[in-house]
């Protein structure tokens, strides 16, 4: 019976030494399949780095096909097309053997004996070293471009307001007069204390294309203003950002971080031309603080509204609503309004509600819920006496300890006198797999420790909530503003506001207590999970 295979072809930005095209890889693969009588079930062409495999979408689809038994083999031109990392090679080829799937290589052919697999490992080691050498050459070349030739370290496109003097070399930036005029207009308007909204609306009404060619938005306008601190004053840095690799949700992810000024490389004066004068730049940057101070959102009377800052949303677009003060002849009125109305590109209809009215409705509803929480104290006290929760951190530490012990055992096995080549190859393979696993586990542990909130800290908060419930019962239903806000948080309150003519009513109150609160059984059964109430 003929073997069914997939031809896998890959190139990436790392491939500066081996620039074999995808088409040539396919031709070589098909010729190899014809010689061996293989049935080609498909050809996969992918452009992605060979240093990872979980992030390669087409690779993962192919992997799913051979794990499900749909195909019996994978054909690659060289092993580096499959992966450039020796630890990944260990894991993937072992997985393939367990599913009776073979990896065929056109240019680098080894038999399936222990010696053959050992030679494959050596070849993969050379591939990994080749990749690292290429990567370092690229880094050194970029640094030499900056430090020796004093040239701008260009990206794919120049910053807005500027253009390259030479589209191929990209060594120096010059002013793009059409875009620079827009930059100056933005910064002058900001220097005159115009709001981000007003500037964005002006650009949209004037039909001025954004840097991407579409409509302007507040975020892009802010980016232009922030660049007045350096770039638009003719101050340019190389290595302003740093790209690092971190494991997130089991995948290796590229994270972009802004370097401190001390770690950047200041480029020579004249590398980037000045677009705006120093005084205009200073006023534009300073106006952000002035506008924020004058904004009605930053008022000293924060206790005037209960649901501000996160507990009330627009039922139409889902945006958080903000508090506004309306001054009229007979007084000041507080309202919650959807911010979609205030944006230059309006995303929502006119939706607002009286703040005192909806605050009173929500709190009256919560009073009825809180009176049913008499079981809270007993639940928290009982859970403190038990050890029912094993944190992800403890589990990760235990797995790392087990993995380290296994690695140490493999290393001892390699010291065994008279160990055959075949046995040594098997031990090396297992050692590589465990070493990679250990690295991933340590990355996972670091992520847990960086982002977790300790269980004890959460329980301390619930102890405070128990005390609040007791105080609430003693006071007959009276509570301070701070305690009311704590009740909103503990009960996971979200209030949605609709138009007055909505058939569902003008408001909807939802309770979605945090997972920990439900797991501790801190809620009566009739409100466990997500509860809601609607009204007009």
Protein backbone atom coordinates (compact mmCIF):
# COMPACT_ATOMS: atom_id res chain seq x y z
CA UNK A 1 0.00 0.00 0.00
CA UNK A 2 1.39 3.39 -1.04
CA UNK A 3 2.38 5.86 1.69
CA UNK A 4 0.32 9.05 1.86
CA UNK A 5 2.45 12.12 2.63
CA UNK A 6 2.35 15.89 2.81
CA UNK A 7 5.13 18.03 1.36
CA UNK A 8 6.00 20.80 3.80
CA UNK A 9 7.83 23.89 2.48
CA UNK A 10 8.93 26.84 4.62
CA UNK A 11 10.96 30.03 4.37
CA UNK A 12 11.41 32.80 6.90
CA UNK A 13 13.18 36.07 7.54
CA UNK A 14 15.93 34.02 9.23
CA UNK A 15 16.83 32.36 5.93
CA UNK A 16 19.66 34.58 4.70
CA UNK A 17 22.07 31.75 3.93
CA UNK A 18 19.58 29.30 2.43
CA UNK A 19 17.27 31.26 0.15
CA UNK A 20 15.74 28.21 -1.55
CA UNK A 21 12.32 29.30 -2.82
CA UNK A 22 9.08 27.65 -1.84
CA UNK A 23 8.58 26.59 -5.45
CA UNK A 24 11.96 24.82 -5.58
CA UNK A 25 11.22 23.04 -2.30
CA UNK A 26 7.94 21.80 -3.77
CA UNK A 27 9.62 20.60 -6.98
CA UNK A 28 12.30 18.71 -5.03
CA UNK A 29 9.65 17.22 -2.75
CA UNK A 30 7.46 16.03 -5.62
CA UNK A 31 10.46 14.46 -7.39
CA UNK A 32 11.35 12.63 -4.16
CA UNK A 33 7.77 11.36 -3.80
CA UNK A 34 7.70 10.14 -7.43
CA UNK A 35 10.93 8.19 -6.90
CA UNK A 36 9.60 6.47 -3.78
CA UNK A 37 6.02 5.95 -4.96
CA UNK A 38 4.44 8.22 -2.33
CA UNK A 39 0.95 9.66 -2.76
CA UNK A 40 1.00 13.43 -2.19
CA UNK A 41 -2.07 14.43 -0.16
CA UNK A 42 -1.15 18.10 -0.23
CA UNK A 43 1.58 20.72 -0.32
CA UNK A 44 1.91 23.23 2.52
CA UNK A 45 3.84 26.45 1.92
CA UNK A 46 4.49 28.60 4.96
CA UNK A 47 6.42 31.80 5.65
CA UNK A 48 7.42 31.71 9.30
CA UNK A 49 10.52 31.40 11.44
CA UNK A 50 11.79 27.91 12.12
CA UNK A 51 12.65 28.75 15.73
CA UNK A 52 9.07 28.01 16.87
CA UNK A 53 6.43 25.49 15.83
CA UNK A 54 3.33 26.04 17.98
CA UNK A 55 2.87 29.49 16.44
CA UNK A 56 3.01 28.17 12.86
CA UNK A 57 -0.66 27.91 11.89
CA UNK A 58 -0.20 25.77 8.75
CA UNK A 59 2.31 23.54 10.52
CA UNK A 60 -0.17 22.91 13.34
CA UNK A 61 -2.88 22.02 10.82
CA UNK A 62 -0.51 19.53 9.17
CA UNK A 63 0.41 18.10 12.58
CA UNK A 64 -3.26 17.56 13.37
CA UNK A 65 -3.66 15.65 10.12
CA UNK A 66 -0.80 13.23 10.75
CA UNK A 67 -1.75 12.71 14.41
CA UNK A 68 -5.28 11.79 13.33
CA UNK A 69 -3.89 9.12 10.97
CA UNK A 70 -4.90 10.90 7.78
CA UNK A 71 -1.33 10.78 6.44
CA UNK A 72 1.66 8.52 7.14
CA UNK A 73 4.57 10.84 6.42
CA UNK A 74 5.90 14.37 5.97
CA UNK A 75 8.44 15.26 3.27
CA UNK A 76 10.80 18.24 3.70
CA UNK A 77 13.72 19.41 1.60
CA UNK A 78 16.02 19.76 4.63
CA UNK A 79 15.44 19.18 8.33
CA UNK A 80 15.76 22.92 8.97
CA UNK A 81 12.51 23.40 7.01
CA UNK A 82 10.77 21.28 9.68
CA UNK A 83 12.35 23.02 12.68
CA UNK A 84 15.64 24.72 13.52
CA UNK A 85 15.53 23.99 17.26
CA UNK A 86 17.00 20.67 18.35
CA UNK A 87 14.75 20.38 21.42
CA UNK A 88 11.68 20.84 19.21
CA UNK A 89 13.02 18.20 16.86
CA UNK A 90 13.23 15.73 19.76
CA UNK A 91 9.64 16.35 20.79
CA UNK A 92 8.10 16.34 17.32
CA UNK A 93 9.91 13.32 15.91
CA UNK A 94 9.20 11.27 19.05
CA UNK A 95 5.54 12.19 18.72
CA UNK A 96 5.58 11.14 15.08
CA UNK A 97 7.14 7.76 15.91
CA UNK A 98 4.46 7.13 18.52
CA UNK A 99 1.83 7.65 15.81
CA UNK A 100 3.68 5.62 13.14
CA UNK A 101 4.41 8.72 11.08
CA UNK A 102 7.77 9.20 9.36
CA UNK A 103 9.69 12.33 8.53
CA UNK A 104 11.34 12.10 5.08
CA UNK A 105 14.11 14.48 4.03
CA UNK A 106 15.12 15.03 0.40
CA UNK A 107 18.67 16.32 0.86
CA UNK A 108 19.67 14.88 4.26
CA UNK A 109 18.86 11.18 4.33
CA UNK A 110 19.56 8.94 7.34
CA UNK A 111 18.29 5.48 8.19
CA UNK A 112 15.91 4.87 11.11
CA UNK A 113 18.54 3.13 13.25
CA UNK A 114 19.82 4.60 16.52
CA UNK A 115 22.97 5.68 14.65
CA UNK A 116 20.89 7.33 11.94
CA UNK A 117 18.83 9.21 14.51
CA UNK A 118 22.04 10.31 16.23
CA UNK A 119 23.33 11.72 12.94
CA UNK A 120 20.01 13.52 12.48
CA UNK A 121 20.43 15.10 15.91
CA UNK A 122 23.90 16.29 14.95
CA UNK A 123 22.51 17.80 11.76
CA UNK A 124 19.82 19.58 13.74
CA UNK A 125 22.50 20.94 16.06
CA UNK A 126 24.30 22.41 13.04
CA UNK A 127 21.01 23.92 11.81
CA UNK A 128 20.38 25.55 15.18
CA UNK A 129 23.90 26.96 15.29
CA UNK A 130 23.45 28.27 11.75
CA UNK A 131 20.28 30.08 12.76
CA UNK A 132 21.93 31.65 15.80
CA UNK A 133 24.92 32.76 13.71
CA UNK A 134 22.63 34.33 11.11
CA UNK A 135 20.61 36.10 13.78
CA UNK A 136 23.74 37.53 15.41
CA UNK A 137 25.07 38.73 12.04
CA UNK A 138 21.80 40.57 11.47
CA UNK A 139 21.98 42.24 14.89
CA UNK A 140 25.63 43.20 14.39
CA UNK A 141 24.84 44.63 10.95
CA UNK A 142 22.04 46.81 12.31
CA UNK A 143 24.23 48.08 15.13
CA UNK A 144 27.06 48.87 12.71
CA UNK A 145 24.60 50.77 10.51
CA UNK A 146 23.78 53.00 13.47
CA UNK A 147 27.13 53.35 15.26
CA UNK A 148 29.52 53.45 12.30
CA UNK A 149 27.54 54.79 9.37
CA UNK A 150 25.29 57.04 11.51
CA UNK A 151 22.23 55.99 9.54
CA UNK A 152 18.60 55.82 10.68
CA UNK A 153 17.55 52.33 11.78
CA UNK A 154 14.54 52.18 9.49
CA UNK A 155 11.39 50.16 9.73
CA UNK A 156 9.09 49.15 6.90
CA UNK A 157 7.64 52.66 6.57
CA UNK A 158 8.82 56.09 7.75
CA UNK A 159 7.13 57.94 10.65
CA UNK A 160 4.19 60.15 9.70
CA UNK A 161 5.39 63.55 8.51
CA UNK A 162 8.69 62.19 7.21
CA UNK A 163 9.91 60.11 4.28
CA UNK A 164 13.13 58.37 3.24
CA UNK A 165 15.61 60.18 1.04
CA UNK A 166 16.27 56.85 -0.69
CA UNK A 167 13.52 54.23 -0.70
CA UNK A 168 16.06 51.38 -0.94
CA UNK A 169 18.84 52.49 1.41
CA UNK A 170 16.51 54.15 3.94
CA UNK A 171 19.47 55.84 5.56
CA UNK A 172 18.09 59.30 6.20
CA UNK A 173 14.72 60.91 6.81
CA UNK A 174 13.53 64.07 5.09
CA UNK A 175 10.34 66.08 5.58
CA UNK A 176 7.17 65.04 3.77
CA UNK A 177 5.66 68.51 3.44
CA UNK A 178 2.04 67.39 2.99
CA UNK A 179 2.09 65.20 6.11
CA UNK A 180 4.30 67.60 8.09
CA UNK A 181 1.70 70.33 7.59
CA UNK A 182 -0.90 68.08 9.25
CA UNK A 183 1.50 67.36 12.13
CA UNK A 184 2.01 71.08 12.69
CA UNK A 185 -1.75 71.71 12.63
CA UNK A 186 -2.29 68.99 15.25
CA UNK A 187 0.45 70.28 17.55
CA UNK A 188 -0.61 73.92 17.21
CA UNK A 189 -4.22 72.99 18.04
CA UNK A 190 -3.04 71.02 21.04
CA UNK A 191 -0.80 73.90 22.14
CA UNK A 192 -3.94 76.09 22.05
CA UNK A 193 -5.53 73.61 24.52
CA UNK A 194 -7.83 71.99 21.97
CA UNK A 195 -9.09 68.59 23.11
CA UNK A 196 -8.14 65.32 21.43
CA UNK A 197 -11.77 64.98 20.37
CA UNK A 198 -11.82 68.43 18.75
CA UNK A 199 -8.58 67.76 16.86
CA UNK A 200 -9.79 64.37 15.65
CA UNK A 201 -13.12 65.82 14.50
CA UNK A 202 -11.31 68.58 12.61
CA UNK A 203 -9.18 66.02 10.73
CA UNK A 204 -12.21 63.86 9.88
CA UNK A 205 -14.33 66.83 8.74
CA UNK A 206 -11.45 68.06 6.57
CA UNK A 207 -11.20 64.60 4.91
CA UNK A 208 -7.50 64.37 5.74
CA UNK A 209 -6.24 60.77 5.44
CA UNK A 210 -4.74 59.21 8.57
CA UNK A 211 -1.25 57.62 8.55
CA UNK A 212 -2.87 54.33 7.53
CA UNK A 213 -4.95 56.02 4.83
CA UNK A 214 -8.27 55.69 6.68
CA UNK A 215 -10.12 57.80 9.24
CA UNK A 216 -8.39 59.47 12.15
CA UNK A 217 -9.04 58.34 15.70
CA UNK A 218 -8.08 59.68 19.11
CA UNK A 219 -5.33 57.11 19.61
CA UNK A 220 -3.50 58.13 16.43
CA UNK A 221 -3.75 61.83 17.34
CA UNK A 222 -2.24 61.08 20.76
CA UNK A 223 0.63 59.23 19.06
CA UNK A 224 1.39 62.30 16.92
CA UNK A 225 1.39 64.53 20.00
CA UNK A 226 3.64 62.17 21.97
CA UNK A 227 6.23 62.26 19.18
CA UNK A 228 6.60 66.01 19.77
CA UNK A 229 8.76 65.07 22.77
CA UNK A 230 11.63 63.92 20.53
CA UNK A 231 11.15 62.82 16.92
CA UNK A 232 9.36 65.92 15.64
CA UNK A 233 12.00 68.09 17.32
CA UNK A 234 14.73 66.34 15.32
CA UNK A 235 15.80 64.04 18.17
CA UNK A 236 16.08 60.41 17.06
CA UNK A 237 16.96 57.25 18.94
CA UNK A 238 17.88 53.77 17.81
CA UNK A 239 16.86 50.77 19.90
CA UNK A 240 13.93 52.60 21.46
CA UNK A 241 12.03 49.33 21.79
CA UNK A 242 13.10 45.87 22.88
CA UNK A 243 11.46 42.65 21.71
CA UNK A 244 11.51 39.74 24.13
CA UNK A 245 10.03 36.25 24.06
CA UNK A 246 7.61 35.16 26.78
CA UNK A 247 5.36 32.13 27.18
CA UNK A 248 1.71 33.16 27.44
CA UNK A 249 -1.09 30.61 27.49
CA UNK A 250 1.38 27.93 26.44
CA UNK A 251 2.66 29.83 23.39
CA UNK A 252 5.90 31.71 22.85
CA UNK A 253 4.86 35.32 22.30
CA UNK A 254 6.86 38.37 21.23
CA UNK A 255 6.50 41.21 23.74
CA UNK A 256 7.40 44.81 22.86
CA UNK A 257 8.92 46.90 25.66
CA UNK A 258 9.97 50.56 25.65
CA UNK A 259 13.61 50.87 26.69
CA UNK A 260 14.68 53.48 29.24
CA UNK A 261 16.37 56.51 27.65
CA UNK A 262 19.70 55.40 29.14
CA UNK A 263 19.57 52.17 27.10
CA UNK A 264 18.80 53.86 23.77
CA UNK A 265 21.36 55.05 21.20
CA UNK A 266 21.08 58.75 20.37
CA UNK A 267 21.55 59.35 16.64
CA UNK A 268 23.66 62.27 15.35
CA UNK A 269 21.99 65.64 14.91
CA UNK A 270 20.59 66.01 11.41
CA UNK A 271 19.64 62.34 10.99
CA UNK A 272 15.99 63.38 11.45
CA UNK A 273 14.87 66.89 10.42
CA UNK A 274 12.94 69.11 12.84
CA UNK A 275 9.24 69.60 12.03
CA UNK A 276 8.04 71.69 14.99
CA UNK A 277 9.71 74.36 17.11
CA UNK A 278 10.60 73.69 20.73
CA UNK A 279 8.06 76.11 22.24
CA UNK A 280 5.09 74.65 20.34
CA UNK A 281 6.17 71.14 21.30
CA UNK A 282 6.40 72.17 24.97
CA UNK A 283 2.93 73.75 24.97
CA UNK A 284 1.39 70.80 23.13
CA UNK A 285 2.79 68.32 25.63
CA UNK A 286 1.90 70.49 28.63
CA UNK A 287 -1.72 70.98 27.55
CA UNK A 288 -2.49 67.33 28.27
CA UNK A 289 -2.08 67.92 31.99
CA UNK A 290 -4.06 71.18 31.88
CA UNK A 291 -7.00 69.60 30.02
CA UNK A 292 -7.03 66.64 32.39
CA UNK A 293 -7.16 68.97 35.38
CA UNK A 294 -10.09 70.95 33.91
CA UNK A 295 -11.97 67.84 32.81
CA UNK A 296 -15.33 67.23 34.54
CA UNK A 297 -14.28 63.62 35.02
CA UNK A 298 -11.59 64.67 37.49
CA UNK A 299 -13.74 66.46 40.03
CA UNK A 300 -13.18 66.44 43.79
CA UNK A 301 -16.75 65.28 44.52
CA UNK A 302 -16.22 61.64 43.60
CA UNK A 303 -18.84 60.41 46.07
CA UNK A 304 -21.66 62.16 44.24
CA UNK A 305 -22.20 59.10 42.04
CA UNK A 306 -22.13 55.43 43.04
CA UNK A 307 -21.72 53.60 39.73
CA UNK A 308 -18.92 55.73 38.25
CA UNK A 309 -15.66 54.22 36.95
CA UNK A 310 -16.59 50.76 35.83
CA UNK A 311 -20.05 49.69 37.01
CA UNK A 312 -22.38 51.22 34.40
CA UNK A 313 -22.26 50.54 30.66
CA UNK A 314 -24.12 51.49 27.51
CA UNK A 315 -26.49 48.67 26.58
CA UNK A 316 -26.09 49.40 22.87
CA UNK A 317 -22.31 49.49 22.36
CA UNK A 318 -21.03 48.07 25.68
CA UNK A 319 -18.74 51.02 26.44
CA UNK A 320 -18.33 52.21 30.02
CA UNK A 321 -20.47 55.29 30.64
CA UNK A 322 -18.93 58.40 32.17
CA UNK A 323 -20.35 60.92 34.64
CA UNK A 324 -21.19 64.41 33.42
CA UNK A 325 -22.44 67.57 35.18
CA UNK A 326 -25.08 69.64 33.43
CA UNK A 327 -25.43 73.20 34.68
CA UNK A 328 -28.88 74.71 34.29
CA UNK A 329 -30.61 77.75 35.68
CA UNK A 330 -32.20 75.75 38.49
CA UNK A 331 -29.06 73.83 39.50
CA UNK A 332 -26.56 71.15 38.52
CA UNK A 333 -27.72 67.76 37.24
CA UNK A 334 -25.56 64.61 37.29
CA UNK A 335 -25.92 62.12 34.45
CA UNK A 336 -24.19 59.03 33.07
CA UNK A 337 -23.55 59.29 29.33
CA UNK A 338 -22.17 56.86 26.74
CA UNK A 339 -18.75 58.12 25.50
CA UNK A 340 -19.55 56.85 21.99
CA UNK A 341 -21.53 60.05 21.47
CA UNK A 342 -18.54 62.24 22.31
CA UNK A 343 -16.12 60.57 19.92
CA UNK A 344 -15.26 62.08 16.58
CA UNK A 345 -16.45 58.93 14.81
CA UNK A 346 -19.73 58.33 16.64
CA UNK A 347 -20.31 54.69 17.54
CA UNK A 348 -23.56 54.99 19.48
CA UNK A 349 -26.88 56.83 19.69
CA UNK A 350 -27.73 59.39 22.33
CA UNK A 351 -27.93 57.31 25.54
CA UNK A 352 -27.81 58.84 29.01
CA UNK A 353 -29.55 58.45 32.36
CA UNK A 354 -29.97 60.44 35.57
CA UNK A 355 -27.15 59.44 37.94
CA UNK A 356 -29.03 59.89 41.27
CA UNK A 357 -32.03 57.96 39.94
CA UNK A 358 -30.17 54.89 38.69
CA UNK A 359 -27.82 54.89 41.72
CA UNK A 360 -30.84 54.69 44.03
CA UNK A 361 -32.51 51.93 41.98
CA UNK A 362 -29.34 49.79 41.98
CA UNK A 363 -28.62 50.20 45.69
CA UNK A 364 -32.24 49.39 46.67
CA UNK A 365 -31.93 46.19 44.64
CA UNK A 366 -28.63 45.28 46.29
CA UNK A 367 -30.11 45.80 49.75
CA UNK A 368 -32.45 42.91 49.13
CA UNK A 369 -29.57 40.73 47.92
CA UNK A 370 -27.27 41.60 50.82
CA UNK A 371 -29.89 40.74 53.44
CA UNK A 372 -29.74 37.16 52.12
CA UNK A 373 -25.96 36.88 52.67
CA UNK A 374 -26.09 35.71 56.26
CA UNK A 375 -24.20 32.54 55.28
CA UNK A 376 -21.12 34.53 54.25
CA UNK A 377 -19.44 34.53 57.66
CA UNK A 378 -19.83 30.77 58.19
CA UNK A 379 -18.62 30.00 54.66
CA UNK A 380 -15.43 32.04 54.97
CA UNK A 381 -14.60 30.70 58.43
CA UNK A 382 -15.09 27.09 57.31
CA UNK A 383 -12.93 27.49 54.20
CA UNK A 384 -10.09 28.93 56.28
CA UNK A 385 -10.00 25.70 58.27
CA UNK A 386 -9.63 23.54 55.15
CA UNK A 387 -6.83 23.14 52.62
CA UNK A 388 -8.93 22.44 49.55
CA UNK A 389 -7.08 24.70 47.12
CA UNK A 390 -3.79 23.84 45.42
CA UNK A 391 -2.46 26.90 43.67
CA UNK A 392 -1.08 26.74 40.12
CA UNK A 393 2.21 27.96 41.56
CA UNK A 394 2.54 24.93 43.87
CA UNK A 395 1.61 22.56 41.07
CA UNK A 396 4.20 24.13 38.76
CA UNK A 397 6.94 23.93 41.41
CA UNK A 398 6.16 20.25 42.03
CA UNK A 399 6.32 19.46 38.30
CA UNK A 400 9.61 21.35 37.94
CA UNK A 401 11.13 19.37 40.83
CA UNK A 402 10.05 16.09 39.22
CA UNK A 403 11.45 17.21 35.87
CA UNK A 404 14.80 18.19 37.40
CA UNK A 405 15.06 14.83 39.14
CA UNK A 406 14.45 13.02 35.84
CA UNK A 407 17.06 15.15 34.05
CA UNK A 408 19.60 14.33 36.74
CA UNK A 409 18.82 10.65 36.34
CA UNK A 410 19.39 10.85 32.57
CA UNK A 411 22.73 12.54 33.14
CA UNK A 412 23.77 9.76 35.51
CA UNK A 413 22.70 7.19 32.91
CA UNK A 414 25.03 8.80 30.37
CA UNK A 415 27.94 8.18 32.75
CA UNK A 416 27.27 4.42 32.79
CA UNK A 417 30.36 2.51 31.54
CA UNK A 418 29.84 0.49 28.36
CA UNK A 419 26.65 2.29 27.34
CA UNK A 420 25.98 1.45 23.69
CA UNK A 421 25.62 4.12 21.02
CA UNK A 422 21.98 3.26 20.51
CA UNK A 423 21.16 3.49 24.18
CA UNK A 424 23.11 6.73 24.47
CA UNK A 425 21.13 8.23 21.58
CA UNK A 426 17.85 7.30 23.27
CA UNK A 427 18.95 8.81 26.59
CA UNK A 428 20.10 11.99 24.85
CA UNK A 429 16.76 12.25 23.10
CA UNK A 430 14.83 11.90 26.36
CA UNK A 431 17.17 14.34 28.06
CA UNK A 432 16.51 16.92 25.34
CA UNK A 433 12.76 16.53 25.72
CA UNK A 434 12.92 16.93 29.47
CA UNK A 435 15.25 19.93 29.20
CA UNK A 436 12.81 21.71 26.88
CA UNK A 437 9.92 20.82 29.16
CA UNK A 438 11.82 22.22 32.14
CA UNK A 439 12.39 25.51 30.32
CA UNK A 440 8.70 25.82 29.46
CA UNK A 441 7.67 24.99 33.04
CA UNK A 442 10.02 27.62 34.45
CA UNK A 443 8.59 30.18 32.03
CA UNK A 444 5.10 29.21 33.13
CA UNK A 445 6.04 29.51 36.81
CA UNK A 446 7.51 32.97 36.23
CA UNK A 447 4.28 34.08 34.55
CA UNK A 448 2.21 32.74 37.44
CA UNK A 449 4.37 34.50 40.03
CA UNK A 450 4.31 37.77 38.09
CA UNK A 451 0.58 37.93 37.47
CA UNK A 452 -1.11 36.08 40.30
CA UNK A 453 -3.04 37.50 43.26
CA UNK A 454 -2.36 35.36 46.30
CA UNK A 455 -5.23 33.30 47.65
CA UNK A 456 -4.56 34.59 51.16
CA UNK A 457 -4.89 38.20 50.01
CA UNK A 458 -8.27 37.46 48.44
CA UNK A 459 -9.46 35.72 51.60
CA UNK A 460 -8.40 38.73 53.66
CA UNK A 461 -10.60 40.88 51.45
CA UNK A 462 -13.51 38.54 52.06
CA UNK A 463 -12.88 38.69 55.81
CA UNK A 464 -13.34 42.44 55.49
CA UNK A 465 -16.52 41.80 53.53
CA UNK A 466 -17.80 39.55 56.32
CA UNK A 467 -17.14 42.33 58.79
CA UNK A 468 -18.97 44.72 56.50
CA UNK A 469 -22.00 42.40 56.37
CA UNK A 470 -22.07 42.26 60.16
CA UNK A 471 -21.80 46.04 60.41
CA UNK A 472 -24.46 46.39 57.73
CA UNK A 473 -26.91 44.24 59.72
CA UNK A 474 -26.22 46.16 62.94
CA UNK A 475 -26.71 49.53 61.25
CA UNK A 476 -30.09 48.56 59.86
CA UNK A 477 -29.07 49.04 56.21
CA UNK A 478 -26.96 52.20 56.37
CA UNK A 479 -23.51 52.08 54.74
CA UNK A 480 -20.73 54.50 53.84
CA UNK A 481 -19.89 55.31 50.24
CA UNK A 482 -16.72 53.19 50.46
CA UNK A 483 -18.63 50.16 51.73
CA UNK A 484 -21.23 50.51 49.01
CA UNK A 485 -18.49 50.49 46.38
CA UNK A 486 -16.99 47.38 47.97
CA UNK A 487 -20.37 45.67 47.75
CA UNK A 488 -20.52 46.48 44.03
CA UNK A 489 -17.13 44.85 43.54
CA UNK A 490 -17.79 41.74 45.62
CA UNK A 491 -21.12 41.10 43.90
CA UNK A 492 -19.75 41.78 40.39
CA UNK A 493 -22.38 44.42 39.60
CA UNK A 494 -22.81 45.64 36.02
CA UNK A 495 -25.60 48.03 35.04
CA UNK A 496 -26.60 48.40 31.38
CA UNK A 497 -28.52 51.45 30.15
CA UNK A 498 -30.74 51.43 27.04
CA UNK A 499 -32.94 53.97 25.29
CA UNK A 500 -36.16 54.83 27.10
CA UNK A 501 -38.16 53.26 24.26
CA UNK A 502 -36.36 49.91 24.52
CA UNK A 503 -38.79 46.97 24.95
CA UNK A 504 -36.43 45.47 27.58
CA UNK A 505 -36.67 48.60 29.73
CA UNK A 506 -34.19 51.42 30.22
CA UNK A 507 -31.86 49.55 32.57
CA UNK A 508 -30.66 46.03 33.41
CA UNK A 509 -28.78 45.11 36.60
CA UNK A 510 -26.55 42.04 36.45
CA UNK A 511 -24.77 40.25 39.25
CA UNK A 512 -21.84 38.07 38.23
CA UNK A 513 -19.81 37.48 41.41
CA UNK A 514 -16.14 36.55 40.98
CA UNK A 515 -15.32 32.90 40.47
CA UNK A 516 -13.65 32.63 43.86
CA UNK A 517 -16.77 33.90 45.62
CA UNK A 518 -18.90 31.25 43.93
CA UNK A 519 -16.31 28.53 44.57
CA UNK A 520 -16.37 29.39 48.28
CA UNK A 521 -20.16 29.10 48.16
CA UNK A 522 -20.53 32.63 49.47
CA UNK A 523 -23.82 33.17 47.63
CA UNK A 524 -27.28 31.81 48.37
CA UNK A 525 -28.39 29.29 45.77
CA UNK A 526 -31.09 31.53 44.34
CA UNK A 527 -28.53 34.16 43.22
CA UNK A 528 -25.62 31.84 42.49
CA UNK A 529 -24.08 32.39 39.06
CA UNK A 530 -25.35 35.38 37.07
CA UNK A 531 -28.49 37.17 38.17
CA UNK A 532 -30.19 40.15 36.58
CA UNK A 533 -33.05 42.57 36.97
CA UNK A 534 -34.59 44.87 34.38
CA UNK A 535 -36.79 47.93 34.65
CA UNK A 536 -37.70 51.34 33.28
